[in-house]
Structure formats: C-alpha cells, structure tokens
Amino acid sequence: MQQLQVNLTIPVPEGYVMVKKVELEELKHESLSGICWTMTELEQRIKKKRNWIKEYVLFPSKFREILDTENGGFVYYPKGIGEHWSFHAIQMANFIDENYSLIFGYESK
C-alpha cells in the first residue's frame, strides 16, 4: 500500500483557541458552578416555554421525585404566590443531558 506523508499547516482564526474536549467540559462545568437558574433562564437554555417545561419535565411524577428539593433534589417548586422556581444550574443541566430522550420523547406519547 502506498502512503503519503503530508506536513500541513492550518491557521486558527484570530480570536479562537484550540482546547482539549475534557478542558472544554471542565470550563462549562465551572461556568455553572454556584449558579441557580430562574424559569426564564431554563426556558432560554432548552428553547421551550414554561408550560411545556412544567408539563413534560417538572410535573411528571417520575421526574418530580428526583427534582423536588423536598425529596433531596435540586429544583425548588414554588409553594405560594410570590415565590419563584429555582434550578441548581449544574444539576439541572446534567439531568437534561442524562434524560434527554425521556424528556423530549415524552411529549409525543
């Protein structure tokens, strides 16, 4: 078999850097560290409206058992007028990633 050895230079555009995938994931994780999302921020993150999020993520019992802070979870469910949703950003992002097919496949069932 013939082989061709090539020495190639590819310029990296100004303003860009190359980082290892592991480092990128660590940076993403650090950017969410200590952050809580509001419902509006969660809507922006997953590109769905609050009614959809409530119906397919927050209120199905199989998810609420995991999510609700009253069960040791990471989502504060408002209990009265004037209270707001609060989502631990890292844990909510991980939950969405790990349950993506269940969440986004759930609406078609």
N, C-alpha and C. Protein backbone atom coordinates (compact mmCIF):
# COMPACT_ATOMS: atom_id res chain seq x y z
N MET A 1 0.84 -1.17 0.00
CA MET A 1 0.00 0.00 0.00
C MET A 1 0.88 1.24 0.00
N GLN A 2 0.53 2.19 -0.80
CA GLN A 2 1.28 3.44 -0.86
C GLN A 2 0.82 4.36 0.27
N GLN A 3 1.75 5.12 0.76
CA GLN A 3 1.44 6.09 1.81
C GLN A 3 1.98 7.44 1.41
N LEU A 4 1.28 8.44 1.82
CA LEU A 4 1.69 9.80 1.54
C LEU A 4 1.81 10.53 2.87
N GLN A 5 2.96 11.09 3.13
CA GLN A 5 3.15 11.85 4.36
C GLN A 5 3.04 13.32 4.01
N VAL A 6 2.19 14.01 4.75
CA VAL A 6 1.92 15.42 4.47
C VAL A 6 2.19 16.25 5.71
N ASN A 7 2.85 17.35 5.52
CA ASN A 7 3.04 18.33 6.58
C ASN A 7 2.10 19.49 6.24
N LEU A 8 1.10 19.70 7.07
CA LEU A 8 0.05 20.66 6.75
C LEU A 8 -0.08 21.68 7.87
N THR A 9 -0.21 22.92 7.51
CA THR A 9 -0.44 23.98 8.47
C THR A 9 -1.85 24.52 8.27
N ILE A 10 -2.62 24.51 9.34
CA ILE A 10 -3.98 25.04 9.29
C ILE A 10 -4.03 26.24 10.23
N PRO A 11 -4.30 27.42 9.69
CA PRO A 11 -4.34 28.60 10.56
C PRO A 11 -5.59 28.60 11.44
N VAL A 12 -5.41 29.01 12.68
CA VAL A 12 -6.53 29.16 13.60
C VAL A 12 -6.94 30.63 13.53
N PRO A 13 -8.20 30.89 13.21
CA PRO A 13 -8.65 32.28 13.07
C PRO A 13 -8.41 33.11 14.34
N GLU A 14 -8.19 34.38 14.14
CA GLU A 14 -7.98 35.32 15.24
C GLU A 14 -9.17 35.25 16.20
N GLY A 15 -8.89 35.21 17.48
CA GLY A 15 -9.95 35.17 18.47
C GLY A 15 -10.37 33.75 18.85
N TYR A 16 -9.79 32.74 18.22
CA TYR A 16 -10.12 31.35 18.53
C TYR A 16 -8.90 30.66 19.14
N VAL A 17 -9.16 29.65 19.96
CA VAL A 17 -8.09 28.82 20.50
C VAL A 17 -8.54 27.37 20.42
N MET A 18 -7.59 26.48 20.43
CA MET A 18 -7.91 25.05 20.44
C MET A 18 -7.70 24.54 21.86
N VAL A 19 -8.71 23.83 22.38
CA VAL A 19 -8.59 23.24 23.71
C VAL A 19 -9.05 21.79 23.64
N LYS A 20 -8.54 20.99 24.56
CA LYS A 20 -8.96 19.59 24.63
C LYS A 20 -10.43 19.54 25.03
N LYS A 21 -11.11 18.52 24.56
CA LYS A 21 -12.53 18.34 24.86
C LYS A 21 -12.77 18.28 26.37
N VAL A 22 -11.89 17.60 27.08
CA VAL A 22 -12.03 17.47 28.53
C VAL A 22 -11.94 18.84 29.19
N GLU A 23 -11.01 19.67 28.72
CA GLU A 23 -10.87 21.01 29.28
C GLU A 23 -12.11 21.85 29.00
N LEU A 24 -12.68 21.70 27.81
CA LEU A 24 -13.89 22.43 27.46
C LEU A 24 -15.03 22.05 28.39
N GLU A 25 -15.20 20.76 28.66
CA GLU A 25 -16.25 20.31 29.57
C GLU A 25 -16.03 20.85 30.98
N GLU A 26 -14.76 20.88 31.41
CA GLU A 26 -14.46 21.43 32.73
C GLU A 26 -14.80 22.92 32.79
N LEU A 27 -14.50 23.65 31.73
CA LEU A 27 -14.83 25.08 31.68
C LEU A 27 -16.33 25.30 31.71
N LYS A 28 -17.08 24.48 30.98
CA LYS A 28 -18.54 24.58 31.01
C LYS A 28 -19.06 24.33 32.42
N HIS A 29 -18.52 23.30 33.05
CA HIS A 29 -18.95 22.95 34.41
C HIS A 29 -18.66 24.11 35.36
N GLU A 30 -17.47 24.68 35.27
CA GLU A 30 -17.09 25.79 36.14
C GLU A 30 -17.97 27.01 35.91
N SER A 31 -18.40 27.23 34.67
CA SER A 31 -19.22 28.40 34.38
C SER A 31 -20.60 28.31 35.03
N LEU A 32 -21.04 27.09 35.37
CA LEU A 32 -22.33 26.90 36.02
C LEU A 32 -22.20 26.71 37.53
N SER A 33 -20.98 26.61 38.02
CA SER A 33 -20.75 26.34 39.43
C SER A 33 -21.32 27.47 40.30
N GLY A 34 -22.14 27.09 41.27
CA GLY A 34 -22.71 28.07 42.19
C GLY A 34 -23.84 28.90 41.61
N ILE A 35 -24.33 28.53 40.43
CA ILE A 35 -25.37 29.30 39.74
C ILE A 35 -26.72 28.60 39.89
N CYS A 36 -27.75 29.40 40.13
CA CYS A 36 -29.13 28.91 40.09
C CYS A 36 -29.84 29.61 38.94
N TRP A 37 -30.59 28.84 38.17
CA TRP A 37 -31.37 29.40 37.07
C TRP A 37 -32.76 29.75 37.54
N THR A 38 -33.32 30.77 36.91
CA THR A 38 -34.74 31.07 37.06
C THR A 38 -35.48 30.27 35.99
N MET A 39 -36.79 30.30 36.04
CA MET A 39 -37.58 29.62 35.00
C MET A 39 -37.26 30.23 33.63
N THR A 40 -37.12 31.54 33.57
CA THR A 40 -36.82 32.21 32.30
C THR A 40 -35.49 31.73 31.74
N GLU A 41 -34.48 31.58 32.59
CA GLU A 41 -33.18 31.10 32.13
C GLU A 41 -33.26 29.65 31.65
N LEU A 42 -34.05 28.83 32.34
CA LEU A 42 -34.23 27.45 31.89
C LEU A 42 -34.94 27.42 30.54
N GLU A 43 -35.94 28.27 30.36
CA GLU A 43 -36.63 28.37 29.06
C GLU A 43 -35.62 28.68 27.95
N GLN A 44 -34.74 29.63 28.21
CA GLN A 44 -33.74 30.02 27.21
C GLN A 44 -32.77 28.88 26.93
N ARG A 45 -32.40 28.14 27.96
CA ARG A 45 -31.43 27.05 27.79
C ARG A 45 -31.97 25.91 26.94
N ILE A 46 -33.23 25.52 27.18
CA ILE A 46 -33.75 24.35 26.47
C ILE A 46 -34.70 24.72 25.33
N LYS A 47 -34.88 26.02 25.12
CA LYS A 47 -35.70 26.52 24.00
C LYS A 47 -37.14 26.00 24.05
N LYS A 48 -37.70 25.97 25.24
CA LYS A 48 -39.09 25.57 25.44
C LYS A 48 -39.74 26.56 26.40
N LYS A 49 -41.05 26.73 26.27
CA LYS A 49 -41.80 27.64 27.14
C LYS A 49 -42.11 26.98 28.48
N ARG A 50 -42.39 27.81 29.48
CA ARG A 50 -42.61 27.30 30.85
C ARG A 50 -43.74 26.29 30.95
N ASN A 51 -44.81 26.48 30.19
CA ASN A 51 -45.90 25.50 30.26
C ASN A 51 -45.44 24.13 29.78
N TRP A 52 -44.63 24.08 28.73
CA TRP A 52 -44.07 22.82 28.23
C TRP A 52 -43.14 22.21 29.28
N ILE A 53 -42.29 23.04 29.87
CA ILE A 53 -41.34 22.56 30.88
C ILE A 53 -42.09 21.96 32.07
N LYS A 54 -43.14 22.65 32.49
CA LYS A 54 -43.93 22.13 33.62
C LYS A 54 -44.59 20.80 33.26
N GLU A 55 -45.18 20.73 32.07
CA GLU A 55 -45.91 19.52 31.68
C GLU A 55 -45.01 18.31 31.44
N TYR A 56 -43.86 18.53 30.82
CA TYR A 56 -43.02 17.40 30.41
C TYR A 56 -41.78 17.16 31.27
N VAL A 57 -41.42 18.13 32.11
CA VAL A 57 -40.22 17.96 32.93
C VAL A 57 -40.53 18.02 34.43
N LEU A 58 -41.22 19.07 34.86
CA LEU A 58 -41.35 19.32 36.29
C LEU A 58 -42.47 18.56 36.98
N PHE A 59 -43.59 18.35 36.31
CA PHE A 59 -44.73 17.74 36.98
C PHE A 59 -44.92 16.24 36.80
N PRO A 60 -44.37 15.61 35.76
CA PRO A 60 -44.49 14.15 35.73
C PRO A 60 -43.86 13.55 37.00
N SER A 61 -44.58 12.67 37.66
CA SER A 61 -44.13 12.16 38.96
C SER A 61 -42.76 11.48 38.89
N LYS A 62 -42.47 10.82 37.75
CA LYS A 62 -41.17 10.13 37.65
C LYS A 62 -40.01 11.11 37.70
N PHE A 63 -40.22 12.35 37.26
CA PHE A 63 -39.17 13.36 37.33
C PHE A 63 -39.24 14.15 38.64
N ARG A 64 -40.45 14.48 39.07
CA ARG A 64 -40.60 15.31 40.27
C ARG A 64 -39.97 14.63 41.49
N GLU A 65 -40.09 13.32 41.57
CA GLU A 65 -39.48 12.58 42.69
C GLU A 65 -37.98 12.83 42.77
N ILE A 66 -37.36 13.03 41.63
CA ILE A 66 -35.91 13.26 41.56
C ILE A 66 -35.59 14.74 41.75
N LEU A 67 -36.40 15.61 41.15
CA LEU A 67 -36.09 17.03 41.06
C LEU A 67 -36.40 17.84 42.32
N ASP A 68 -37.50 17.57 42.97
CA ASP A 68 -38.02 18.42 44.06
C ASP A 68 -37.06 18.46 45.24
N THR A 69 -36.76 19.67 45.71
CA THR A 69 -35.88 19.83 46.87
C THR A 69 -36.45 19.14 48.11
N GLU A 70 -37.75 19.00 48.18
CA GLU A 70 -38.36 18.30 49.32
C GLU A 70 -37.99 16.82 49.34
N ASN A 71 -37.55 16.30 48.20
CA ASN A 71 -37.11 14.91 48.11
C ASN A 71 -35.59 14.82 47.99
N GLY A 72 -34.89 15.92 48.29
CA GLY A 72 -33.44 15.93 48.19
C GLY A 72 -32.94 16.31 46.81
N GLY A 73 -33.82 16.82 45.97
CA GLY A 73 -33.44 17.19 44.61
C GLY A 73 -32.86 18.59 44.51
N PHE A 74 -32.90 19.15 43.34
CA PHE A 74 -32.22 20.41 43.05
C PHE A 74 -33.11 21.44 42.36
N VAL A 75 -34.43 21.24 42.45
CA VAL A 75 -35.38 22.20 41.91
C VAL A 75 -36.30 22.64 43.04
N TYR A 76 -36.37 23.96 43.25
CA TYR A 76 -37.31 24.48 44.24
C TYR A 76 -38.64 24.74 43.54
N TYR A 77 -39.68 24.04 43.99
CA TYR A 77 -41.04 24.21 43.48
C TYR A 77 -41.73 25.28 44.32
N PRO A 78 -42.17 26.38 43.71
CA PRO A 78 -42.84 27.43 44.48
C PRO A 78 -44.10 26.89 45.17
N LYS A 79 -44.31 27.35 46.38
CA LYS A 79 -45.44 26.84 47.16
C LYS A 79 -46.55 27.87 47.31
N GLY A 80 -46.28 29.10 46.96
CA GLY A 80 -47.31 30.12 47.13
C GLY A 80 -47.07 31.30 46.21
N ILE A 81 -48.00 32.23 46.28
CA ILE A 81 -47.92 33.44 45.46
C ILE A 81 -46.67 34.22 45.84
N GLY A 82 -45.96 34.69 44.83
CA GLY A 82 -44.76 35.49 45.05
C GLY A 82 -43.48 34.67 45.12
N GLU A 83 -43.60 33.36 45.20
CA GLU A 83 -42.40 32.50 45.20
C GLU A 83 -42.05 32.16 43.76
N HIS A 84 -40.78 31.86 43.54
CA HIS A 84 -40.29 31.61 42.18
C HIS A 84 -39.58 30.26 42.10
N TRP A 85 -39.60 29.70 40.90
CA TRP A 85 -38.85 28.48 40.62
C TRP A 85 -37.36 28.77 40.77
N SER A 86 -36.60 27.79 41.22
CA SER A 86 -35.15 27.91 41.29
C SER A 86 -34.53 26.56 40.93
N PHE A 87 -33.57 26.59 40.02
CA PHE A 87 -32.95 25.37 39.50
C PHE A 87 -31.44 25.43 39.71
N HIS A 88 -30.87 24.45 40.40
CA HIS A 88 -29.42 24.37 40.53
C HIS A 88 -28.88 24.08 39.13
N ALA A 89 -28.13 25.03 38.58
CA ALA A 89 -27.77 25.01 37.16
C ALA A 89 -27.02 23.74 36.73
N ILE A 90 -25.96 23.38 37.44
CA ILE A 90 -25.16 22.22 37.04
C ILE A 90 -26.01 20.95 37.08
N GLN A 91 -26.72 20.77 38.17
CA GLN A 91 -27.51 19.54 38.31
C GLN A 91 -28.66 19.48 37.31
N MET A 92 -29.28 20.63 37.04
CA MET A 92 -30.37 20.64 36.06
C MET A 92 -29.84 20.38 34.67
N ALA A 93 -28.70 20.96 34.32
CA ALA A 93 -28.09 20.73 33.01
C ALA A 93 -27.75 19.25 32.85
N ASN A 94 -27.18 18.65 33.88
CA ASN A 94 -26.86 17.22 33.84
C ASN A 94 -28.11 16.37 33.71
N PHE A 95 -29.16 16.73 34.45
CA PHE A 95 -30.42 15.98 34.40
C PHE A 95 -30.99 16.00 32.99
N ILE A 96 -30.98 17.17 32.36
CA ILE A 96 -31.50 17.28 31.00
C ILE A 96 -30.65 16.44 30.04
N ASP A 97 -29.34 16.52 30.17
CA ASP A 97 -28.46 15.72 29.30
C ASP A 97 -28.71 14.22 29.48
N GLU A 98 -28.80 13.78 30.73
CA GLU A 98 -28.94 12.36 31.02
C GLU A 98 -30.32 11.81 30.68
N ASN A 99 -31.33 12.66 30.65
CA ASN A 99 -32.71 12.22 30.42
C ASN A 99 -33.29 12.81 29.14
N TYR A 100 -32.43 13.23 28.25
CA TYR A 100 -32.87 13.94 27.04
C TYR A 100 -33.93 13.17 26.26
N SER A 101 -33.68 11.90 25.99
CA SER A 101 -34.64 11.13 25.18
C SER A 101 -35.96 10.92 25.92
N LEU A 102 -35.91 10.78 27.23
CA LEU A 102 -37.15 10.65 28.00
C LEU A 102 -37.94 11.95 28.01
N ILE A 103 -37.24 13.05 28.17
CA ILE A 103 -37.91 14.36 28.23
C ILE A 103 -38.48 14.75 26.88
N PHE A 104 -37.64 14.72 25.87
CA PHE A 104 -38.08 15.23 24.57
C PHE A 104 -38.83 14.18 23.75
N GLY A 105 -38.78 12.93 24.18
CA GLY A 105 -39.59 11.90 23.55
C GLY A 105 -40.93 11.75 24.24
N TYR A 106 -41.02 12.27 25.44
CA TYR A 106 -42.21 12.16 26.28
C TYR A 106 -43.41 12.89 25.69
N GLU A 107 -43.16 14.02 25.03
CA GLU A 107 -44.27 14.84 24.53
C GLU A 107 -45.04 14.15 23.41
N SER A 108 -44.41 13.21 22.72
CA SER A 108 -45.10 12.55 21.60
C SER A 108 -45.92 11.34 22.06
N LYS A 109 -45.87 11.02 23.35
CA LYS A 109 -46.60 9.85 23.86
C LYS A 109 -47.96 10.25 24.38
